[in-house]
C-alpha atoms as a PDB file:
ATOM      1  CA  MET A   1       8.406  25.203  17.425  1.00  0.00           C
ATOM      2  CA  HIS A   2       7.586  27.495  15.011  1.00  0.00           C
ATOM      3  CA  ASP A   3       9.546  26.583  11.903  1.00  0.00           C
ATOM      4  CA  ILE A   4       7.101  24.119   9.909  1.00  0.00           C
ATOM      5  CA  ASP A   5       9.887  22.723   7.933  1.00  0.00           C
ATOM      6  CA  LEU A   6      11.731  21.537  11.112  1.00  0.00           C
ATOM      7  CA  ALA A   7       8.296  20.393  13.042  1.00  0.00           C
ATOM      8  CA  ARG A   8       7.268  18.361  10.055  1.00  0.00           C
ATOM      9  CA  ARG A   9      10.728  16.430   9.857  1.00  0.00           C
ATOM     10  CA  PHE A  10      10.834  15.642  13.701  1.00  0.00           C
ATOM     11  CA  ARG A  11       7.452  15.522  14.859  1.00  0.00           C
ATOM     12  CA  ASP A  12       4.623  12.935  14.694  1.00  0.00           C
ATOM     13  CA  ARG A  13       2.092  15.354  15.115  1.00  0.00           C
ATOM     14  CA  LEU A  14       1.565  18.986  14.963  1.00  0.00           C
ATOM     15  CA  VAL A  15      -0.757  21.258  16.863  1.00  0.00           C
ATOM     16  CA  LEU A  16      -1.992  24.566  14.906  1.00  0.00           C
ATOM     17  CA  LEU A  17      -3.295  27.460  17.193  1.00  0.00           C
ATOM     18  CA  ASN A  18      -5.335  30.141  15.899  1.00  0.00           C
ATOM     19  CA  GLY A  19      -6.595  32.854  18.000  1.00  0.00           C
ATOM     20  CA  GLY A  20      -5.428  30.854  21.457  1.00  0.00           C
ATOM     21  CA  ARG A  21      -7.466  27.906  20.280  1.00  0.00           C
ATOM     22  CA  VAL A  22      -6.369  24.549  19.029  1.00  0.00           C
ATOM     23  CA  ALA A  23      -7.331  24.919  15.267  1.00  0.00           C
ATOM     24  CA  ALA A  24      -5.779  21.449  14.287  1.00  0.00           C
ATOM     25  CA  ASP A  25      -4.192  18.419  15.785  1.00  0.00           C
ATOM     26  CA  GLU A  26      -2.900  16.479  12.925  1.00  0.00           C
ATOM     27  CA  PRO A  27      -0.094  14.311  11.652  1.00  0.00           C
ATOM     28  CA  PRO A  28       2.277  16.671   9.411  1.00  0.00           C
ATOM     29  CA  SER A  29       1.552  15.265   6.108  1.00  0.00           C
ATOM     30  CA  ARG A  30      -2.117  16.068   6.567  1.00  0.00           C
ATOM     31  CA  LEU A  31      -1.766  19.551   7.982  1.00  0.00           C
ATOM     32  CA  LEU A  32       0.095  20.447   5.009  1.00  0.00           C
ATOM     33  CA  ASP A  33      -3.087  20.499   2.789  1.00  0.00           C
ATOM     34  CA  ALA A  34      -5.510  21.713   5.552  1.00  0.00           C
ATOM     35  CA  PRO A  35      -7.104  24.671   4.733  1.00  0.00           C
ATOM     36  CA  VAL A  36      -7.064  25.590   8.632  1.00  0.00           C
ATOM     37  CA  PHE A  37      -3.358  26.828   7.857  1.00  0.00           C
ATOM     38  CA  THR A  38      -4.282  29.268   5.498  1.00  0.00           C
ATOM     39  CA  VAL A  39      -7.148  30.601   7.552  1.00  0.00           C
ATOM     40  CA  ALA A  40      -4.697  30.948  10.685  1.00  0.00           C
ATOM     41  CA  PHE A  41      -1.844  32.440   8.770  1.00  0.00           C
ATOM     42  CA  GLY A  42      -3.103  33.646   5.535  1.00  0.00           C
ATOM     43  CA  LEU A  43      -0.627  31.361   3.817  1.00  0.00           C
ATOM     44  CA  ARG A  44      -0.549  28.477   2.248  1.00  0.00           C
ATOM     45  CA  LEU A  45       2.079  25.730   2.493  1.00  0.00           C
ATOM     46  CA  GLN A  46       4.226  24.731  -0.537  1.00  0.00           C
ATOM     47  CA  ALA A  47       6.629  21.407  -0.423  1.00  0.00           C
ATOM     48  CA  GLY A  48       9.390  20.605  -2.786  1.00  0.00           C
ATOM     49  CA  PRO A  49      12.311  17.875  -3.002  1.00  0.00           C
ATOM     50  CA  ARG A  50      15.490  18.374  -1.402  1.00  0.00           C
ATOM     51  CA  ARG A  51      19.110  16.726  -2.378  1.00  0.00           C
ATOM     52  CA  ASP A  52      18.840  14.403   0.793  1.00  0.00           C
ATOM     53  CA  GLY A  53      15.360  12.879  -0.278  1.00  0.00           C
ATOM     54  CA  ARG A  54      13.334  15.017   2.296  1.00  0.00           C
ATOM     55  CA  ASP A  55      10.810  17.620   1.087  1.00  0.00           C
ATOM     56  CA  TRP A  56      11.237  21.298   2.186  1.00  0.00           C
ATOM     57  CA  VAL A  57       8.461  23.385   3.111  1.00  0.00           C
ATOM     58  CA  ILE A  58       7.738  26.951   2.902  1.00  0.00           C
ATOM     59  CA  GLY A  59       4.625  29.057   3.520  1.00  0.00           C
ATOM     60  CA  VAL A  60       3.612  31.363   0.288  1.00  0.00           C
ATOM     61  CA  GLY A  61       1.454  34.352   0.598  1.00  0.00           C
END
């Protein structure tokens, strides 16, 4: 799944690949703040509240 927001809401763990190799295998809450995400995609993740009580997540360049 390539939508971080959806994957974070519906999965217990996320696997991040960088250059065809596993760069991280973490629960979504830990991956959000992991520097490895910034290294792999050149983006940092930002979360914010939604009306339904769940947070949204976007990549910020």
